[in-house]
Amino acid sequence: VELNEVVGMVHQFRLRLEQGVQVNTTEIIVQQRQYEADLLPENLPEWVAEGSDDAEQEEWLRTSLAQALATDNITSSASLLGQEIGAAVKVELETPEQENPYMVMHLNSVRAWASIEYALNTRSFNLLETVLDAGIEDSVVPIYRADGDVVITHEDYFEFYEDTPEDISWFGKLRGKRNPDPGVYKLIMIEQEGSQFIRIFRPNGDVVEAREAYLVLTRLRNNLT
């Protein structure tokens, strides 16, 4: 396309659909590149993996598209199309027999952390502290070290409410039901072979009982975006 406010330039946009982090959602990834009109190659080269020539133009299309999708009626066939394209599962909750449950996010650390940070600020959670690039702690090395060095990219301390105040009815409150004190946990995210592994511990590094860890991770998984 040629944009009126940018004379003499030809802009090309690429839209890529992938399965979203949240279940039954689709992510739309926007990329932009541009050429001087007189130098537009006859055979356009392959797209690079990431990045755009003009971040503002990329953001313009992303914002315009988001506004259009928010106001238009999207047919079910479009949703099904989005689920079929790039339908690799991005988040998995693993429950091995010999160790506690953990979550795997097949995303880079920046994208994964953005999703976790969002979830830890929903009403079930209260994010207390974040430590970036925490390095390796002696207490967790035996759990995570496998075929090579493991780097802890994030370490987070948070509170978890199994029953949030909003979930307790006024009748329940009238009868004396109160939201219990939250559990306090430490979340550790490590990167291995391009995926992020998320596990839950006590603040002092002790292992959390399996059923409890599964409950916290399930709620976290449901709140990712």
C-alpha atoms as a PDB file:
ATOM      1  CA  VAL A   1       0.000   0.000   0.000  1.00  0.00           C
ATOM      2  CA  GLU A   2       0.950   3.666  -0.438  1.00  0.00           C
ATOM      3  CA  LEU A   3       0.034   5.933   2.444  1.00  0.00           C
ATOM      4  CA  ASN A   4      -0.963   9.539   1.807  1.00  0.00           C
ATOM      5  CA  GLU A   5       1.215  10.938   4.591  1.00  0.00           C
ATOM      6  CA  VAL A   6       4.353   9.135   3.357  1.00  0.00           C
ATOM      7  CA  VAL A   7       4.927  10.178  -0.245  1.00  0.00           C
ATOM      8  CA  GLY A   8       7.206   8.059  -2.397  1.00  0.00           C
ATOM      9  CA  MET A   9       7.205   5.011  -0.137  1.00  0.00           C
ATOM     10  CA  VAL A  10       5.548   1.638  -0.609  1.00  0.00           C
ATOM     11  CA  HIS A  11       4.550  -0.187   2.568  1.00  0.00           C
ATOM     12  CA  GLN A  12       3.993  -3.896   2.884  1.00  0.00           C
ATOM     13  CA  PHE A  13       2.271  -5.517   5.870  1.00  0.00           C
ATOM     14  CA  ARG A  14       2.202  -9.153   6.927  1.00  0.00           C
ATOM     15  CA  LEU A  15      -0.453 -10.585   9.257  1.00  0.00           C
ATOM     16  CA  ARG A  16       0.279 -13.943  10.851  1.00  0.00           C
ATOM     17  CA  LEU A  17      -2.239 -15.957  12.896  1.00  0.00           C
ATOM     18  CA  GLU A  18      -1.118 -18.167  15.765  1.00  0.00           C
ATOM     19  CA  GLN A  19      -2.969 -19.925  18.549  1.00  0.00           C
ATOM     20  CA  GLY A  20      -3.099 -17.624  21.550  1.00  0.00           C
ATOM     21  CA  VAL A  21      -1.710 -18.222  25.028  1.00  0.00           C
ATOM     22  CA  GLN A  22      -5.233 -18.391  26.432  1.00  0.00           C
ATOM     23  CA  VAL A  23      -7.387 -21.351  25.415  1.00  0.00           C
ATOM     24  CA  ASN A  24      -9.620 -20.779  22.360  1.00  0.00           C
ATOM     25  CA  THR A  25      -7.935 -17.508  21.389  1.00  0.00           C
ATOM     26  CA  THR A  26      -5.955 -16.456  18.324  1.00  0.00           C
ATOM     27  CA  GLU A  27      -3.051 -14.015  18.234  1.00  0.00           C
ATOM     28  CA  ILE A  28      -2.523 -11.749  15.225  1.00  0.00           C
ATOM     29  CA  ILE A  29       1.113 -10.765  14.707  1.00  0.00           C
ATOM     30  CA  VAL A  30       1.712  -7.663  12.555  1.00  0.00           C
ATOM     31  CA  GLN A  31       4.911  -6.886  10.641  1.00  0.00           C
ATOM     32  CA  GLN A  32       5.717  -3.942   8.368  1.00  0.00           C
ATOM     33  CA  ARG A  33       8.442  -3.217   5.834  1.00  0.00           C
ATOM     34  CA  GLN A  34       8.871  -0.435   3.305  1.00  0.00           C
ATOM     35  CA  TYR A  35      10.657   0.466   0.093  1.00  0.00           C
ATOM     36  CA  GLU A  36      11.185   3.634  -1.879  1.00  0.00           C
ATOM     37  CA  ALA A  37       8.675   3.445  -4.739  1.00  0.00           C
ATOM     38  CA  ASP A  38      11.388   3.774  -7.396  1.00  0.00           C
ATOM     39  CA  LEU A  39      13.421   0.979  -5.809  1.00  0.00           C
ATOM     40  CA  LEU A  40      10.659  -1.559  -5.206  1.00  0.00           C
ATOM     41  CA  PRO A  41      12.177  -4.938  -6.134  1.00  0.00           C
ATOM     42  CA  GLU A  42      10.380  -6.972  -8.764  1.00  0.00           C
ATOM     43  CA  ASN A  43      10.748 -10.106  -6.640  1.00  0.00           C
ATOM     44  CA  LEU A  44      10.180  -9.278  -2.996  1.00  0.00           C
ATOM     45  CA  PRO A  45      12.545 -11.019  -0.550  1.00  0.00           C
ATOM     46  CA  GLU A  46      11.467 -13.358   2.226  1.00  0.00           C
ATOM     47  CA  TRP A  47      10.320 -11.755   5.461  1.00  0.00           C
ATOM     48  CA  VAL A  48      12.718 -11.660   8.385  1.00  0.00           C
ATOM     49  CA  ALA A  49      11.622 -13.520  11.510  1.00  0.00           C
ATOM     50  CA  GLU A  50      10.789 -10.459  13.623  1.00  0.00           C
ATOM     51  CA  GLY A  51      10.810  -6.683  13.613  1.00  0.00           C
ATOM     52  CA  SER A  52       9.494  -3.941  11.334  1.00  0.00           C
ATOM     53  CA  ASP A  53      11.071  -1.098   9.374  1.00  0.00           C
ATOM     54  CA  ASP A  54       8.694   1.442  10.909  1.00  0.00           C
ATOM     55  CA  ALA A  55       7.370   0.628  14.392  1.00  0.00           C
ATOM     56  CA  GLU A  56       4.813   3.465  14.224  1.00  0.00           C
ATOM     57  CA  GLN A  57       3.235   2.094  11.037  1.00  0.00           C
ATOM     58  CA  GLU A  58       3.148  -1.379  12.570  1.00  0.00           C
ATOM     59  CA  GLU A  59       1.393   0.004  15.653  1.00  0.00           C
ATOM     60  CA  TRP A  60      -1.042   1.980  13.462  1.00  0.00           C
ATOM     61  CA  LEU A  61      -2.227  -1.147  11.670  1.00  0.00           C
ATOM     62  CA  ARG A  62      -2.351  -3.178  14.890  1.00  0.00           C
ATOM     63  CA  THR A  63      -4.476  -0.519  16.612  1.00  0.00           C
ATOM     64  CA  SER A  64      -6.779  -0.080  13.599  1.00  0.00           C
ATOM     65  CA  LEU A  65      -7.251  -3.833  13.316  1.00  0.00           C
ATOM     66  CA  ALA A  66      -7.957  -4.195  17.035  1.00  0.00           C
ATOM     67  CA  GLN A  67     -10.593  -1.450  16.876  1.00  0.00           C
ATOM     68  CA  ALA A  68     -12.238  -3.053  13.837  1.00  0.00           C
ATOM     69  CA  LEU A  69     -12.337  -6.493  15.468  1.00  0.00           C
ATOM     70  CA  ALA A  70     -13.805  -5.002  18.637  1.00  0.00           C
ATOM     71  CA  THR A  71     -16.708  -3.400  16.792  1.00  0.00           C
ATOM     72  CA  ASP A  72     -17.454  -5.842  13.958  1.00  0.00           C
ATOM     73  CA  ASN A  73     -19.322  -9.126  14.208  1.00  0.00           C
ATOM     74  CA  ILE A  74     -16.749 -11.874  13.642  1.00  0.00           C
ATOM     75  CA  THR A  75     -18.184 -15.057  12.181  1.00  0.00           C
ATOM     76  CA  SER A  76     -17.480 -18.454  13.695  1.00  0.00           C
ATOM     77  CA  SER A  77     -15.732 -19.510  10.495  1.00  0.00           C
ATOM     78  CA  ALA A  78     -13.079 -16.850  11.097  1.00  0.00           C
ATOM     79  CA  SER A  79     -12.506 -18.165  14.602  1.00  0.00           C
ATOM     80  CA  LEU A  80     -12.181 -21.719  13.316  1.00  0.00           C
ATOM     81  CA  LEU A  81      -9.701 -20.538  10.716  1.00  0.00           C
ATOM     82  CA  GLY A  82      -7.613 -18.916  13.415  1.00  0.00           C
ATOM     83  CA  GLN A  83      -7.588 -22.113  15.445  1.00  0.00           C
ATOM     84  CA  GLU A  84      -6.368 -24.153  12.491  1.00  0.00           C
ATOM     85  CA  ILE A  85      -3.485 -21.868  11.537  1.00  0.00           C
ATOM     86  CA  GLY A  86      -0.426 -22.049  13.782  1.00  0.00           C
ATOM     87  CA  ALA A  87      -2.329 -24.298  16.167  1.00  0.00           C
ATOM     88  CA  ALA A  88       0.654 -25.508  18.179  1.00  0.00           C
ATOM     89  CA  VAL A  89      -0.093 -25.518  21.893  1.00  0.00           C
ATOM     90  CA  LYS A  90       1.773 -22.668  23.577  1.00  0.00           C
ATOM     91  CA  VAL A  91       1.098 -23.459  27.243  1.00  0.00           C
ATOM     92  CA  GLU A  92       1.036 -26.895  28.866  1.00  0.00           C
ATOM     93  CA  LEU A  93       0.398 -27.909  32.462  1.00  0.00           C
ATOM     94  CA  GLU A  94       2.476 -30.990  33.250  1.00  0.00           C
ATOM     95  CA  THR A  95       1.681 -33.378  36.104  1.00  0.00           C
ATOM     96  CA  PRO A  96       4.525 -35.937  36.288  1.00  0.00           C
ATOM     97  CA  GLU A  97       4.291 -38.812  38.766  1.00  0.00           C
ATOM     98  CA  GLN A  98       7.688 -38.309  40.378  1.00  0.00           C
ATOM     99  CA  GLU A  99       7.677 -34.533  40.829  1.00  0.00           C
ATOM    100  CA  ASN A 100       5.343 -31.621  41.427  1.00  0.00           C
ATOM    101  CA  PRO A 101       3.195 -30.097  38.667  1.00  0.00           C
ATOM    102  CA  TYR A 102       4.793 -27.398  36.542  1.00  0.00           C
ATOM    103  CA  MET A 103       3.831 -25.269  33.544  1.00  0.00           C
ATOM    104  CA  VAL A 104       5.653 -25.021  30.210  1.00  0.00           C
ATOM    105  CA  MET A 105       5.250 -21.964  27.980  1.00  0.00           C
ATOM    106  CA  HIS A 106       6.560 -22.382  24.436  1.00  0.00           C
ATOM    107  CA  LEU A 107       7.331 -18.668  24.138  1.00  0.00           C
ATOM    108  CA  ASN A 108      10.378 -16.473  24.511  1.00  0.00           C
ATOM    109  CA  SER A 109      11.058 -15.188  28.018  1.00  0.00           C
ATOM    110  CA  VAL A 110       9.828 -11.647  27.329  1.00  0.00           C
ATOM    111  CA  ARG A 111       6.450 -12.764  25.950  1.00  0.00           C
ATOM    112  CA  ALA A 112       6.029 -15.419  28.639  1.00  0.00           C
ATOM    113  CA  TRP A 113       6.801 -13.028  31.462  1.00  0.00           C
ATOM    114  CA  ALA A 114       4.375 -10.415  30.107  1.00  0.00           C
ATOM    115  CA  SER A 115       1.624 -13.036  30.232  1.00  0.00           C
ATOM    116  CA  ILE A 116       2.582 -14.205  33.737  1.00  0.00           C
ATOM    117  CA  GLU A 117       2.813 -10.656  35.036  1.00  0.00           C
ATOM    118  CA  TYR A 118      -0.697  -9.994  33.748  1.00  0.00           C
ATOM    119  CA  ALA A 119      -2.009 -13.139  35.457  1.00  0.00           C
ATOM    120  CA  LEU A 120      -0.309 -12.274  38.757  1.00  0.00           C
ATOM    121  CA  ASN A 121      -2.194  -8.984  38.789  1.00  0.00           C
ATOM    122  CA  THR A 122      -5.654 -10.515  38.395  1.00  0.00           C
ATOM    123  CA  ARG A 123      -7.990 -10.771  41.366  1.00  0.00           C
ATOM    124  CA  SER A 124      -6.857 -14.259  42.434  1.00  0.00           C
ATOM    125  CA  PHE A 125      -3.287 -13.034  42.859  1.00  0.00           C
ATOM    126  CA  ASN A 126      -1.312 -10.217  44.391  1.00  0.00           C
ATOM    127  CA  LEU A 127       2.216  -9.749  43.019  1.00  0.00           C
ATOM    128  CA  LEU A 128       4.557  -8.816  45.866  1.00  0.00           C
ATOM    129  CA  GLU A 129       8.032  -8.719  44.343  1.00  0.00           C
ATOM    130  CA  THR A 130       9.800  -9.505  41.076  1.00  0.00           C
ATOM    131  CA  VAL A 131      13.467 -10.388  40.683  1.00  0.00           C
ATOM    132  CA  LEU A 132      14.723 -10.377  37.091  1.00  0.00           C
ATOM    133  CA  ASP A 133      17.625 -12.541  35.972  1.00  0.00           C
ATOM    134  CA  ALA A 134      17.828 -14.079  39.422  1.00  0.00           C
ATOM    135  CA  GLY A 135      20.578 -16.534  38.506  1.00  0.00           C
ATOM    136  CA  ILE A 136      20.770 -20.005  40.020  1.00  0.00           C
ATOM    137  CA  GLU A 137      19.960 -20.638  43.661  1.00  0.00           C
ATOM    138  CA  ASP A 138      21.518 -23.577  45.455  1.00  0.00           C
ATOM    139  CA  SER A 139      18.125 -24.722  46.712  1.00  0.00           C
ATOM    140  CA  VAL A 140      16.730 -25.279  43.202  1.00  0.00           C
ATOM    141  CA  VAL A 141      19.772 -26.460  41.235  1.00  0.00           C
ATOM    142  CA  PRO A 142      19.135 -30.182  41.934  1.00  0.00           C
ATOM    143  CA  ILE A 143      15.566 -29.800  40.667  1.00  0.00           C
ATOM    144  CA  TYR A 144      16.305 -27.967  37.433  1.00  0.00           C
ATOM    145  CA  ARG A 145      19.803 -28.904  36.285  1.00  0.00           C
ATOM    146  CA  ALA A 146      19.558 -31.582  33.590  1.00  0.00           C
ATOM    147  CA  ASP A 147      21.782 -31.637  30.493  1.00  0.00           C
ATOM    148  CA  GLY A 148      23.423 -28.273  31.055  1.00  0.00           C
ATOM    149  CA  ASP A 149      23.313 -24.950  32.863  1.00  0.00           C
ATOM    150  CA  VAL A 150      19.890 -23.522  33.618  1.00  0.00           C
ATOM    151  CA  VAL A 151      19.233 -19.809  33.982  1.00  0.00           C
ATOM    152  CA  ILE A 152      16.415 -18.505  36.163  1.00  0.00           C
ATOM    153  CA  THR A 153      15.058 -15.551  34.199  1.00  0.00           C
ATOM    154  CA  HIS A 154      12.385 -14.473  36.706  1.00  0.00           C
ATOM    155  CA  GLU A 155      11.657 -15.030  40.355  1.00  0.00           C
ATOM    156  CA  ASP A 156       8.405 -13.693  41.739  1.00  0.00           C
ATOM    157  CA  TYR A 157       6.795 -13.604  45.156  1.00  0.00           C
ATOM    158  CA  PHE A 158       3.008 -13.444  45.217  1.00  0.00           C
ATOM    159  CA  GLU A 159      -0.125 -14.061  47.242  1.00  0.00           C
ATOM    160  CA  PHE A 160      -2.844 -16.429  46.034  1.00  0.00           C
ATOM    161  CA  TYR A 161      -6.500 -16.311  47.069  1.00  0.00           C
ATOM    162  CA  GLU A 162      -8.341 -19.570  46.466  1.00  0.00           C
ATOM    163  CA  ASP A 163     -11.614 -17.740  47.181  1.00  0.00           C
ATOM    164  CA  THR A 164     -11.469 -14.101  46.183  1.00  0.00           C
ATOM    165  CA  PRO A 165     -13.590 -11.530  48.066  1.00  0.00           C
ATOM    166  CA  GLU A 166     -15.742 -11.015  44.966  1.00  0.00           C
ATOM    167  CA  ASP A 167     -16.632 -14.721  44.882  1.00  0.00           C
ATOM    168  CA  ILE A 168     -18.211 -14.684  48.343  1.00  0.00           C
ATOM    169  CA  SER A 169     -21.887 -13.711  48.197  1.00  0.00           C
ATOM    170  CA  TRP A 170     -23.366 -11.078  50.468  1.00  0.00           C
ATOM    171  CA  PHE A 171     -25.369 -13.848  52.158  1.00  0.00           C
ATOM    172  CA  GLY A 172     -22.182 -15.791  52.832  1.00  0.00           C
ATOM    173  CA  LYS A 173     -20.533 -12.705  54.282  1.00  0.00           C
ATOM    174  CA  LEU A 174     -23.623 -12.063  56.417  1.00  0.00           C
ATOM    175  CA  ARG A 175     -23.269 -15.560  57.895  1.00  0.00           C
ATOM    176  CA  GLY A 176     -19.669 -14.897  58.798  1.00  0.00           C
ATOM    177  CA  LYS A 177     -17.862 -16.408  55.818  1.00  0.00           C
ATOM    178  CA  ARG A 178     -14.637 -14.534  55.226  1.00  0.00           C
ATOM    179  CA  ASN A 179     -11.965 -14.743  52.603  1.00  0.00           C
ATOM    180  CA  PRO A 180      -9.167 -16.867  54.086  1.00  0.00           C
ATOM    181  CA  ASP A 181      -5.661 -15.507  54.446  1.00  0.00           C
ATOM    182  CA  PRO A 182      -3.839 -15.829  51.143  1.00  0.00           C
ATOM    183  CA  GLY A 183      -1.093 -18.343  50.556  1.00  0.00           C
ATOM    184  CA  VAL A 184       2.298 -16.831  49.799  1.00  0.00           C
ATOM    185  CA  TYR A 185       4.450 -18.449  47.117  1.00  0.00           C
ATOM    186  CA  LYS A 186       7.566 -18.024  45.035  1.00  0.00           C
ATOM    187  CA  LEU A 187       7.319 -18.532  41.269  1.00  0.00           C
ATOM    188  CA  ILE A 188      10.474 -19.397  39.355  1.00  0.00           C
ATOM    189  CA  MET A 189      10.675 -19.243  35.576  1.00  0.00           C
ATOM    190  CA  ILE A 190      13.624 -20.819  33.786  1.00  0.00           C
ATOM    191  CA  GLU A 191      14.439 -21.121  30.093  1.00  0.00           C
ATOM    192  CA  GLN A 192      15.419 -24.387  28.463  1.00  0.00           C
ATOM    193  CA  GLU A 193      15.706 -24.882  24.699  1.00  0.00           C
ATOM    194  CA  GLY A 194      13.614 -21.798  23.984  1.00  0.00           C
ATOM    195  CA  SER A 195      10.691 -22.717  26.284  1.00  0.00           C
ATOM    196  CA  GLN A 196       9.909 -21.361  29.755  1.00  0.00           C
ATOM    197  CA  PHE A 197       9.373 -23.699  32.717  1.00  0.00           C
ATOM    198  CA  ILE A 198       7.332 -22.319  35.619  1.00  0.00           C
ATOM    199  CA  ARG A 199       7.300 -23.920  39.089  1.00  0.00           C
ATOM    200  CA  ILE A 200       5.874 -22.932  42.452  1.00  0.00           C
ATOM    201  CA  PHE A 201       7.726 -22.983  45.801  1.00  0.00           C
ATOM    202  CA  ARG A 202       7.327 -21.683  49.313  1.00  0.00           C
ATOM    203  CA  PRO A 203       8.972 -18.276  49.825  1.00  0.00           C
ATOM    204  CA  ASN A 204      11.911 -20.012  51.551  1.00  0.00           C
ATOM    205  CA  GLY A 205      12.388 -22.388  48.618  1.00  0.00           C
ATOM    206  CA  ASP A 206      10.617 -25.421  50.111  1.00  0.00           C
ATOM    207  CA  VAL A 207       8.540 -27.621  47.800  1.00  0.00           C
ATOM    208  CA  VAL A 208       4.778 -27.027  47.721  1.00  0.00           C
ATOM    209  CA  GLU A 209       2.426 -30.000  48.146  1.00  0.00           C
ATOM    210  CA  ALA A 210       1.454 -31.320  44.701  1.00  0.00           C
ATOM    211  CA  ARG A 211      -2.293 -30.692  44.933  1.00  0.00           C
ATOM    212  CA  GLU A 212      -1.686 -27.130  46.145  1.00  0.00           C
ATOM    213  CA  ALA A 213       0.814 -26.432  43.368  1.00  0.00           C
ATOM    214  CA  TYR A 214      -1.629 -27.777  40.783  1.00  0.00           C
ATOM    215  CA  LEU A 215      -4.402 -25.487  42.078  1.00  0.00           C
ATOM    216  CA  VAL A 216      -2.212 -22.389  41.916  1.00  0.00           C
ATOM    217  CA  LEU A 217      -0.820 -23.226  38.470  1.00  0.00           C
ATOM    218  CA  THR A 218      -4.268 -24.020  37.086  1.00  0.00           C
ATOM    219  CA  ARG A 219      -5.616 -20.643  38.197  1.00  0.00           C
ATOM    220  CA  LEU A 220      -2.512 -18.963  36.825  1.00  0.00           C
ATOM    221  CA  ARG A 221      -2.943 -20.806  33.522  1.00  0.00           C
ATOM    222  CA  ASN A 222      -6.563 -19.706  33.252  1.00  0.00           C
ATOM    223  CA  ASN A 223      -5.605 -16.050  33.797  1.00  0.00           C
ATOM    224  CA  LEU A 224      -2.825 -15.864  31.207  1.00  0.00           C
ATOM    225  CA  THR A 225      -3.315 -13.603  28.217  1.00  0.00           C
END
